[in-house]
């Protein structure tokens, strides 16, 4: 149990961040699945739109510190590569 006021506040803040981060990560996973399902079904236009929205969510997660910079770059790159392979 935290004894100082600042430690108690830190615990409260961490709990709020945990809830926020969980929601953001869940949204990103859901949108990633939408992109992959569009790619697998061959719907290039839908996949491109879904990827655009996913990249925006990932960039916001990066800005808030939910995800690491290299993780976001890697995931965006791999999905873009799969999308471009669809048209080739």
PDB file of N, CA and C in Angstrom:
ATOM      1  N   UNK A   1       0.840  -1.186   0.000  1.00  0.00           N
ATOM      2  CA  UNK A   1       0.000   0.000   0.000  1.00  0.00           C
ATOM      3  C   UNK A   1       0.876   1.235   0.000  1.00  0.00           C
ATOM      4  N   UNK A   2       0.529   2.169  -0.853  1.00  0.00           N
ATOM      5  CA  UNK A   2       1.297   3.407  -0.947  1.00  0.00           C
ATOM      6  C   UNK A   2       1.025   4.276   0.278  1.00  0.00           C
ATOM      7  N   UNK A   3       2.067   4.941   0.752  1.00  0.00           N
ATOM      8  CA  UNK A   3       1.919   5.749   1.952  1.00  0.00           C
ATOM      9  C   UNK A   3       1.847   7.238   1.640  1.00  0.00           C
ATOM     10  N   UNK A   4       2.644   7.707   0.720  1.00  0.00           N
ATOM     11  CA  UNK A   4       2.655   9.145   0.439  1.00  0.00           C
ATOM     12  C   UNK A   4       1.516   9.509  -0.512  1.00  0.00           C
ATOM     13  N   UNK A   5       1.146  10.768  -0.470  1.00  0.00           N
ATOM     14  CA  UNK A   5       0.074  11.244  -1.341  1.00  0.00           C
ATOM     15  C   UNK A   5       0.447  11.116  -2.812  1.00  0.00           C
ATOM     16  N   UNK A   6       1.708  11.410  -3.122  1.00  0.00           N
ATOM     17  CA  UNK A   6       2.132  11.341  -4.522  1.00  0.00           C
ATOM     18  C   UNK A   6       2.109   9.897  -5.024  1.00  0.00           C
ATOM     19  N   UNK A   7       2.436   8.949  -4.169  1.00  0.00           N
ATOM     20  CA  UNK A   7       2.397   7.546  -4.571  1.00  0.00           C
ATOM     21  C   UNK A   7       0.955   7.091  -4.799  1.00  0.00           C
ATOM     22  N   UNK A   8       0.042   7.567  -3.956  1.00  0.00           N
ATOM     23  CA  UNK A   8      -1.369   7.231  -4.136  1.00  0.00           C
ATOM     24  C   UNK A   8      -1.913   7.816  -5.435  1.00  0.00           C
ATOM     25  N   UNK A   9      -1.519   9.046  -5.720  1.00  0.00           N
ATOM     26  CA  UNK A   9      -1.949   9.687  -6.965  1.00  0.00           C
ATOM     27  C   UNK A   9      -1.380   8.931  -8.167  1.00  0.00           C
ATOM     28  N   UNK A  10      -0.147   8.516  -8.057  1.00  0.00           N
ATOM     29  CA  UNK A  10       0.488   7.768  -9.139  1.00  0.00           C
ATOM     30  C   UNK A  10      -0.265   6.470  -9.422  1.00  0.00           C
ATOM     31  N   UNK A  11      -0.727   5.815  -8.378  1.00  0.00           N
ATOM     32  CA  UNK A  11      -1.503   4.586  -8.547  1.00  0.00           C
ATOM     33  C   UNK A  11      -2.824   4.874  -9.246  1.00  0.00           C
ATOM     34  N   UNK A  12      -3.479   5.970  -8.862  1.00  0.00           N
ATOM     35  CA  UNK A  12      -4.742   6.345  -9.519  1.00  0.00           C
ATOM     36  C   UNK A  12      -4.515   6.658 -11.000  1.00  0.00           C
ATOM     37  N   UNK A  13      -3.452   7.390 -11.286  1.00  0.00           N
ATOM     38  CA  UNK A  13      -3.163   7.749 -12.677  1.00  0.00           C
ATOM     39  C   UNK A  13      -2.855   6.506 -13.509  1.00  0.00           C
ATOM     40  N   UNK A  14      -2.093   5.585 -12.926  1.00  0.00           N
ATOM     41  CA  UNK A  14      -1.729   4.358 -13.643  1.00  0.00           C
ATOM     42  C   UNK A  14      -2.975   3.548 -13.978  1.00  0.00           C
ATOM     43  N   UNK A  15      -3.931   3.509 -13.059  1.00  0.00           N
ATOM     44  CA  UNK A  15      -5.161   2.762 -13.304  1.00  0.00           C
ATOM     45  C   UNK A  15      -5.955   3.385 -14.448  1.00  0.00           C
ATOM     46  N   UNK A  16      -6.031   4.717 -14.481  1.00  0.00           N
ATOM     47  CA  UNK A  16      -6.736   5.403 -15.571  1.00  0.00           C
ATOM     48  C   UNK A  16      -6.055   5.146 -16.911  1.00  0.00           C
ATOM     49  N   UNK A  17      -4.735   5.228 -16.910  1.00  0.00           N
ATOM     50  CA  UNK A  17      -3.981   5.000 -18.150  1.00  0.00           C
ATOM     51  C   UNK A  17      -4.158   3.572 -18.641  1.00  0.00           C
ATOM     52  N   UNK A  18      -4.188   2.631 -17.705  1.00  0.00           N
ATOM     53  CA  UNK A  18      -4.340   1.227 -18.074  1.00  0.00           C
ATOM     54  C   UNK A  18      -5.660   0.997 -18.797  1.00  0.00           C
ATOM     55  N   UNK A  19      -6.710   1.589 -18.292  1.00  0.00           N
ATOM     56  CA  UNK A  19      -8.026   1.450 -18.930  1.00  0.00           C
ATOM     57  C   UNK A  19      -8.005   2.084 -20.314  1.00  0.00           C
ATOM     58  N   UNK A  20      -7.445   3.296 -20.414  1.00  0.00           N
ATOM     59  CA  UNK A  20      -7.376   3.993 -21.696  1.00  0.00           C
ATOM     60  C   UNK A  20      -6.539   3.195 -22.700  1.00  0.00           C
ATOM     61  N   UNK A  21      -5.373   2.739 -22.266  1.00  0.00           N
ATOM     62  CA  UNK A  21      -4.477   2.006 -23.160  1.00  0.00           C
ATOM     63  C   UNK A  21      -5.107   0.707 -23.638  1.00  0.00           C
ATOM     64  N   UNK A  22      -5.821   0.035 -22.757  1.00  0.00           N
ATOM     65  CA  UNK A  22      -6.469  -1.218 -23.137  1.00  0.00           C
ATOM     66  C   UNK A  22      -7.502  -0.968 -24.238  1.00  0.00           C
ATOM     67  N   UNK A  23      -8.277   0.082 -24.091  1.00  0.00           N
ATOM     68  CA  UNK A  23      -9.274   0.410 -25.106  1.00  0.00           C
ATOM     69  C   UNK A  23      -8.657   0.740 -26.449  1.00  0.00           C
ATOM     70  N   UNK A  24      -7.563   1.476 -26.414  1.00  0.00           N
ATOM     71  CA  UNK A  24      -6.879   1.853 -27.655  1.00  0.00           C
ATOM     72  C   UNK A  24      -6.298   0.623 -28.340  1.00  0.00           C
ATOM     73  N   UNK A  25      -5.659  -0.248 -27.569  1.00  0.00           N
ATOM     74  CA  UNK A  25      -5.065  -1.462 -28.142  1.00  0.00           C
ATOM     75  C   UNK A  25      -6.138  -2.384 -28.714  1.00  0.00           C
ATOM     76  N   UNK A  26      -7.272  -2.473 -28.034  1.00  0.00           N
ATOM     77  CA  UNK A  26      -8.374  -3.300 -28.526  1.00  0.00           C
ATOM     78  C   UNK A  26      -8.882  -2.768 -29.859  1.00  0.00           C
ATOM     79  N   UNK A  27      -9.035  -1.445 -29.942  1.00  0.00           N
ATOM     80  CA  UNK A  27      -9.492  -0.818 -31.187  1.00  0.00           C
ATOM     81  C   UNK A  27      -8.508  -1.100 -32.327  1.00  0.00           C
ATOM     82  N   UNK A  28      -7.226  -1.029 -32.040  1.00  0.00           N
ATOM     83  CA  UNK A  28      -6.205  -1.272 -33.059  1.00  0.00           C
ATOM     84  C   UNK A  28      -6.247  -2.730 -33.531  1.00  0.00           C
ATOM     85  N   UNK A  29      -6.394  -3.658 -32.595  1.00  0.00           N
ATOM     86  CA  UNK A  29      -6.490  -5.073 -32.976  1.00  0.00           C
ATOM     87  C   UNK A  29      -7.716  -5.325 -33.842  1.00  0.00           C
ATOM     88  N   UNK A  30      -8.845  -4.712 -33.490  1.00  0.00           N
ATOM     89  CA  UNK A  30     -10.078  -4.884 -34.257  1.00  0.00           C
ATOM     90  C   UNK A  30      -9.912  -4.341 -35.672  1.00  0.00           C
ATOM     91  N   UNK A  31      -9.328  -3.155 -35.780  1.00  0.00           N
ATOM     92  CA  UNK A  31      -9.133  -2.560 -37.112  1.00  0.00           C
ATOM     93  C   UNK A  31      -8.105  -3.346 -37.931  1.00  0.00           C
ATOM     94  N   UNK A  32      -7.115  -3.923 -37.270  1.00  0.00           N
ATOM     95  CA  UNK A  32      -6.130  -4.735 -37.975  1.00  0.00           C
ATOM     96  C   UNK A  32      -6.815  -5.957 -38.583  1.00  0.00           C
ATOM     97  N   UNK A  33      -7.686  -6.587 -37.807  1.00  0.00           N
ATOM     98  CA  UNK A  33      -8.422  -7.740 -38.326  1.00  0.00           C
ATOM     99  C   UNK A  33      -9.295  -7.349 -39.516  1.00  0.00           C
ATOM    100  N   UNK A  34      -9.875  -6.142 -39.470  1.00  0.00           N
ATOM    101  CA  UNK A  34     -10.710  -5.680 -40.581  1.00  0.00           C
ATOM    102  C   UNK A  34      -9.874  -5.509 -41.849  1.00  0.00           C
ATOM    103  N   UNK A  35      -8.666  -4.958 -41.696  1.00  0.00           N
ATOM    104  CA  UNK A  35      -7.775  -4.787 -42.849  1.00  0.00           C
ATOM    105  C   UNK A  35      -7.395  -6.150 -43.419  1.00  0.00           C
ATOM    106  N   UNK A  36      -7.015  -7.074 -42.546  1.00  0.00           N
ATOM    107  CA  UNK A  36      -6.586  -8.394 -43.010  1.00  0.00           C
ATOM    108  C   UNK A  36      -7.728  -9.160 -43.674  1.00  0.00           C
ATOM    109  N   UNK A  37      -8.925  -9.045 -43.139  1.00  0.00           N
ATOM    110  CA  UNK A  37     -10.054  -9.742 -43.766  1.00  0.00           C
ATOM    111  C   UNK A  37     -10.378  -9.141 -45.128  1.00  0.00           C
ATOM    112  N   UNK A  38     -10.237  -7.819 -45.264  1.00  0.00           N
ATOM    113  CA  UNK A  38     -10.472  -7.178 -46.567  1.00  0.00           C
ATOM    114  C   UNK A  38      -9.410  -7.611 -47.578  1.00  0.00           C
ATOM    115  N   UNK A  39      -8.186  -7.704 -47.119  1.00  0.00           N
ATOM    116  CA  UNK A  39      -7.105  -8.145 -48.012  1.00  0.00           C
ATOM    117  C   UNK A  39      -7.332  -9.595 -48.433  1.00  0.00           C
ATOM    118  N   UNK A  40      -7.699 -10.454 -47.474  1.00  0.00           N
ATOM    119  CA  UNK A  40      -7.907 -11.873 -47.779  1.00  0.00           C
ATOM    120  C   UNK A  40      -9.071 -12.093 -48.738  1.00  0.00           C
ATOM    121  N   UNK A  41     -10.085 -11.236 -48.644  1.00  0.00           N
ATOM    122  CA  UNK A  41     -11.231 -11.388 -49.537  1.00  0.00           C
ATOM    123  C   UNK A  41     -11.009 -10.706 -50.887  1.00  0.00           C
ATOM    124  N   UNK A  42      -9.890  -9.970 -51.019  1.00  0.00           N
ATOM    125  CA  UNK A  42      -9.543  -9.352 -52.288  1.00  0.00           C
ATOM    126  C   UNK A  42     -10.172  -7.992 -52.532  1.00  0.00           C
ATOM    127  N   UNK A  43     -10.742  -7.404 -51.523  1.00  0.00           N
ATOM    128  CA  UNK A  43     -11.369  -6.092 -51.660  1.00  0.00           C
ATOM    129  C   UNK A  43     -10.319  -4.998 -51.452  1.00  0.00           C
ATOM    130  N   UNK A  44      -9.684  -4.591 -52.531  1.00  0.00           N
ATOM    131  CA  UNK A  44      -8.577  -3.649 -52.426  1.00  0.00           C
ATOM    132  C   UNK A  44      -9.022  -2.278 -51.922  1.00  0.00           C
ATOM    133  N   UNK A  45     -10.120  -1.772 -52.424  1.00  0.00           N
ATOM    134  CA  UNK A  45     -10.598  -0.444 -52.037  1.00  0.00           C
ATOM    135  C   UNK A  45     -10.958  -0.406 -50.555  1.00  0.00           C
ATOM    136  N   UNK A  46     -11.678  -1.416 -50.095  1.00  0.00           N
ATOM    137  CA  UNK A  46     -12.069  -1.484 -48.677  1.00  0.00           C
ATOM    138  C   UNK A  46     -10.849  -1.644 -47.793  1.00  0.00           C
ATOM    139  N   UNK A  47      -9.892  -2.450 -48.240  1.00  0.00           N
ATOM    140  CA  UNK A  47      -8.671  -2.662 -47.461  1.00  0.00           C
ATOM    141  C   UNK A  47      -7.858  -1.380 -47.360  1.00  0.00           C
ATOM    142  N   UNK A  48      -7.788  -0.626 -48.447  1.00  0.00           N
ATOM    143  CA  UNK A  48      -7.037   0.626 -48.441  1.00  0.00           C
ATOM    144  C   UNK A  48      -7.660   1.637 -47.484  1.00  0.00           C
ATOM    145  N   UNK A  49      -8.979   1.714 -47.489  1.00  0.00           N
ATOM    146  CA  UNK A  49      -9.671   2.631 -46.579  1.00  0.00           C
ATOM    147  C   UNK A  49      -9.493   2.206 -45.123  1.00  0.00           C
ATOM    148  N   UNK A  50      -9.611   0.903 -44.875  1.00  0.00           N
ATOM    149  CA  UNK A  50      -9.445   0.390 -43.514  1.00  0.00           C
ATOM    150  C   UNK A  50      -8.004   0.598 -43.029  1.00  0.00           C
ATOM    151  N   UNK A  51      -7.055   0.436 -43.921  1.00  0.00           N
ATOM    152  CA  UNK A  51      -5.648   0.647 -43.559  1.00  0.00           C
ATOM    153  C   UNK A  51      -5.386   2.110 -43.229  1.00  0.00           C
ATOM    154  N   UNK A  52      -6.002   2.999 -43.968  1.00  0.00           N
ATOM    155  CA  UNK A  52      -5.847   4.433 -43.701  1.00  0.00           C
ATOM    156  C   UNK A  52      -6.348   4.777 -42.304  1.00  0.00           C
ATOM    157  N   UNK A  53      -7.503   4.247 -41.940  1.00  0.00           N
ATOM    158  CA  UNK A  53      -8.061   4.487 -40.610  1.00  0.00           C
ATOM    159  C   UNK A  53      -7.200   3.857 -39.524  1.00  0.00           C
ATOM    160  N   UNK A  54      -6.692   2.655 -39.800  1.00  0.00           N
ATOM    161  CA  UNK A  54      -5.833   1.967 -38.830  1.00  0.00           C
ATOM    162  C   UNK A  54      -4.546   2.739 -38.595  1.00  0.00           C
ATOM    163  N   UNK A  55      -3.945   3.249 -39.656  1.00  0.00           N
ATOM    164  CA  UNK A  55      -2.704   4.017 -39.513  1.00  0.00           C
ATOM    165  C   UNK A  55      -2.934   5.263 -38.673  1.00  0.00           C
ATOM    166  N   UNK A  56      -4.077   5.892 -38.838  1.00  0.00           N
ATOM    167  CA  UNK A  56      -4.408   7.061 -38.030  1.00  0.00           C
ATOM    168  C   UNK A  56      -4.505   6.686 -36.555  1.00  0.00           C
ATOM    169  N   UNK A  57      -5.182   5.576 -36.257  1.00  0.00           N
ATOM    170  CA  UNK A  57      -5.307   5.117 -34.871  1.00  0.00           C
ATOM    171  C   UNK A  57      -3.939   4.767 -34.285  1.00  0.00           C
ATOM    172  N   UNK A  58      -3.099   4.134 -35.093  1.00  0.00           N
ATOM    173  CA  UNK A  58      -1.764   3.765 -34.611  1.00  0.00           C
ATOM    174  C   UNK A  58      -0.921   5.005 -34.317  1.00  0.00           C
ATOM    175  N   UNK A  59      -1.031   6.003 -35.178  1.00  0.00           N
ATOM    176  CA  UNK A  59      -0.274   7.233 -34.960  1.00  0.00           C
ATOM    177  C   UNK A  59      -0.720   7.939 -33.685  1.00  0.00           C
ATOM    178  N   UNK A  60      -2.025   7.910 -33.416  1.00  0.00           N
ATOM    179  CA  UNK A  60      -2.525   8.512 -32.186  1.00  0.00           C
ATOM    180  C   UNK A  60      -2.060   7.725 -30.965  1.00  0.00           C
ATOM    181  N   UNK A  61      -2.024   6.400 -31.086  1.00  0.00           N
ATOM    182  CA  UNK A  61      -1.539   5.567 -29.984  1.00  0.00           C
ATOM    183  C   UNK A  61      -0.062   5.838 -29.733  1.00  0.00           C
ATOM    184  N   UNK A  62       0.683   6.043 -30.791  1.00  0.00           N
ATOM    185  CA  UNK A  62       2.103   6.377 -30.673  1.00  0.00           C
ATOM    186  C   UNK A  62       2.270   7.714 -29.969  1.00  0.00           C
ATOM    187  N   UNK A  63       1.461   8.665 -30.348  1.00  0.00           N
ATOM    188  CA  UNK A  63       1.532  10.001 -29.760  1.00  0.00           C
ATOM    189  C   UNK A  63       1.220   9.977 -28.259  1.00  0.00           C
ATOM    190  N   UNK A  64       0.298   9.108 -27.858  1.00  0.00           N
ATOM    191  CA  UNK A  64      -0.083   9.009 -26.446  1.00  0.00           C
ATOM    192  C   UNK A  64       0.832   8.080 -25.653  1.00  0.00           C
ATOM    193  N   UNK A  65       1.769   7.427 -26.326  1.00  0.00           N
ATOM    194  CA  UNK A  65       2.704   6.552 -25.625  1.00  0.00           C
ATOM    195  C   UNK A  65       2.182   5.160 -25.380  1.00  0.00           C
ATOM    196  N   UNK A  66       1.123   4.790 -26.075  1.00  0.00           N
ATOM    197  CA  UNK A  66       0.549   3.458 -25.896  1.00  0.00           C
ATOM    198  C   UNK A  66       1.387   2.416 -26.635  1.00  0.00           C
ATOM    199  N   UNK A  67       1.904   2.802 -27.791  1.00  0.00           N
ATOM    200  CA  UNK A  67       2.716   1.896 -28.609  1.00  0.00           C
ATOM    201  C   UNK A  67       4.083   2.521 -28.878  1.00  0.00           C
ATOM    202  N   UNK A  68       5.048   1.655 -29.145  1.00  0.00           N
ATOM    203  CA  UNK A  68       6.399   2.111 -29.467  1.00  0.00           C
ATOM    204  C   UNK A  68       6.483   2.512 -30.936  1.00  0.00           C
ATOM    205  N   UNK A  69       7.409   3.408 -31.225  1.00  0.00           N
ATOM    206  CA  UNK A  69       7.582   3.943 -32.577  1.00  0.00           C
ATOM    207  C   UNK A  69       7.896   2.843 -33.596  1.00  0.00           C
ATOM    208  N   UNK A  70       8.832   1.980 -33.260  1.00  0.00           N
ATOM    209  CA  UNK A  70       9.227   0.932 -34.203  1.00  0.00           C
ATOM    210  C   UNK A  70       8.121  -0.108 -34.402  1.00  0.00           C
ATOM    211  N   UNK A  71       7.356  -0.367 -33.369  1.00  0.00           N
ATOM    212  CA  UNK A  71       6.245  -1.317 -33.481  1.00  0.00           C
ATOM    213  C   UNK A  71       5.206  -0.791 -34.457  1.00  0.00           C
ATOM    214  N   UNK A  72       4.877   0.477 -34.332  1.00  0.00           N
ATOM    215  CA  UNK A  72       3.901   1.089 -35.237  1.00  0.00           C
ATOM    216  C   UNK A  72       4.432   1.062 -36.671  1.00  0.00           C
ATOM    217  N   UNK A  73       5.686   1.428 -36.844  1.00  0.00           N
ATOM    218  CA  UNK A  73       6.280   1.451 -38.187  1.00  0.00           C
ATOM    219  C   UNK A  73       6.282   0.051 -38.801  1.00  0.00           C
ATOM    220  N   UNK A  74       6.630  -0.950 -38.002  1.00  0.00           N
ATOM    221  CA  UNK A  74       6.685  -2.327 -38.496  1.00  0.00           C
ATOM    222  C   UNK A  74       5.305  -2.819 -38.912  1.00  0.00           C
ATOM    223  N   UNK A  75       4.306  -2.582 -38.082  1.00  0.00           N
ATOM    224  CA  UNK A  75       2.956  -3.056 -38.395  1.00  0.00           C
ATOM    225  C   UNK A  75       2.387  -2.356 -39.626  1.00  0.00           C
ATOM    226  N   UNK A  76       2.592  -1.039 -39.713  1.00  0.00           N
ATOM    227  CA  UNK A  76       2.108  -0.289 -40.872  1.00  0.00           C
ATOM    228  C   UNK A  76       2.787  -0.777 -42.150  1.00  0.00           C
ATOM    229  N   UNK A  77       4.086  -1.013 -42.066  1.00  0.00           N
ATOM    230  CA  UNK A  77       4.842  -1.455 -43.231  1.00  0.00           C
ATOM    231  C   UNK A  77       4.376  -2.825 -43.715  1.00  0.00           C
ATOM    232  N   UNK A  78       4.190  -3.740 -42.795  1.00  0.00           N
ATOM    233  CA  UNK A  78       3.785  -5.096 -43.179  1.00  0.00           C
ATOM    234  C   UNK A  78       2.391  -5.117 -43.800  1.00  0.00           C
ATOM    235  N   UNK A  79       1.485  -4.326 -43.237  1.00  0.00           N
ATOM    236  CA  UNK A  79       0.136  -4.286 -43.798  1.00  0.00           C
ATOM    237  C   UNK A  79       0.124  -3.614 -45.170  1.00  0.00           C
ATOM    238  N   UNK A  80       0.906  -2.546 -45.331  1.00  0.00           N
ATOM    239  CA  UNK A  80       0.988  -1.870 -46.627  1.00  0.00           C
ATOM    240  C   UNK A  80       1.590  -2.802 -47.675  1.00  0.00           C
ATOM    241  N   UNK A  81       2.553  -3.592 -47.256  1.00  0.00           N
ATOM    242  CA  UNK A  81       3.197  -4.552 -48.172  1.00  0.00           C
ATOM    243  C   UNK A  81       2.188  -5.604 -48.642  1.00  0.00           C
ATOM    244  N   UNK A  82       1.361  -6.093 -47.725  1.00  0.00           N
ATOM    245  CA  UNK A  82       0.343  -7.067 -48.087  1.00  0.00           C
ATOM    246  C   UNK A  82      -0.708  -6.448 -49.019  1.00  0.00           C
ATOM    247  N   UNK A  83      -1.040  -5.195 -48.756  1.00  0.00           N
ATOM    248  CA  UNK A  83      -2.024  -4.506 -49.604  1.00  0.00           C
ATOM    249  C   UNK A  83      -1.475  -4.301 -51.010  1.00  0.00           C
ATOM    250  N   UNK A  84      -0.213  -3.918 -51.114  1.00  0.00           N
ATOM    251  CA  UNK A  84       0.366  -3.708 -52.441  1.00  0.00           C
ATOM    252  C   UNK A  84       0.548  -5.023 -53.184  1.00  0.00           C
ATOM    253  N   UNK A  85       0.768  -6.112 -52.464  1.00  0.00           N
ATOM    254  CA  UNK A  85       0.886  -7.425 -53.102  1.00  0.00           C
ATOM    255  C   UNK A  85      -0.464  -7.873 -53.666  1.00  0.00           C
ATOM    256  N   UNK A  86      -1.542  -7.349 -53.109  1.00  0.00           N
ATOM    257  CA  UNK A  86      -2.879  -7.688 -53.579  1.00  0.00           C
ATOM    258  C   UNK A  86      -3.109  -7.183 -54.994  1.00  0.00           C
ATOM    259  N   UNK A  87      -2.574  -5.998 -55.284  1.00  0.00           N
ATOM    260  CA  UNK A  87      -2.781  -5.406 -56.606  1.00  0.00           C
ATOM    261  C   UNK A  87      -1.810  -5.949 -57.646  1.00  0.00           C
ATOM    262  N   UNK A  88      -0.716  -6.513 -57.199  1.00  0.00           N
ATOM    263  CA  UNK A  88       0.296  -7.009 -58.142  1.00  0.00           C
ATOM    264  C   UNK A  88      -0.046  -8.357 -58.723  1.00  0.00           C
TER     265      UNK A  88
END
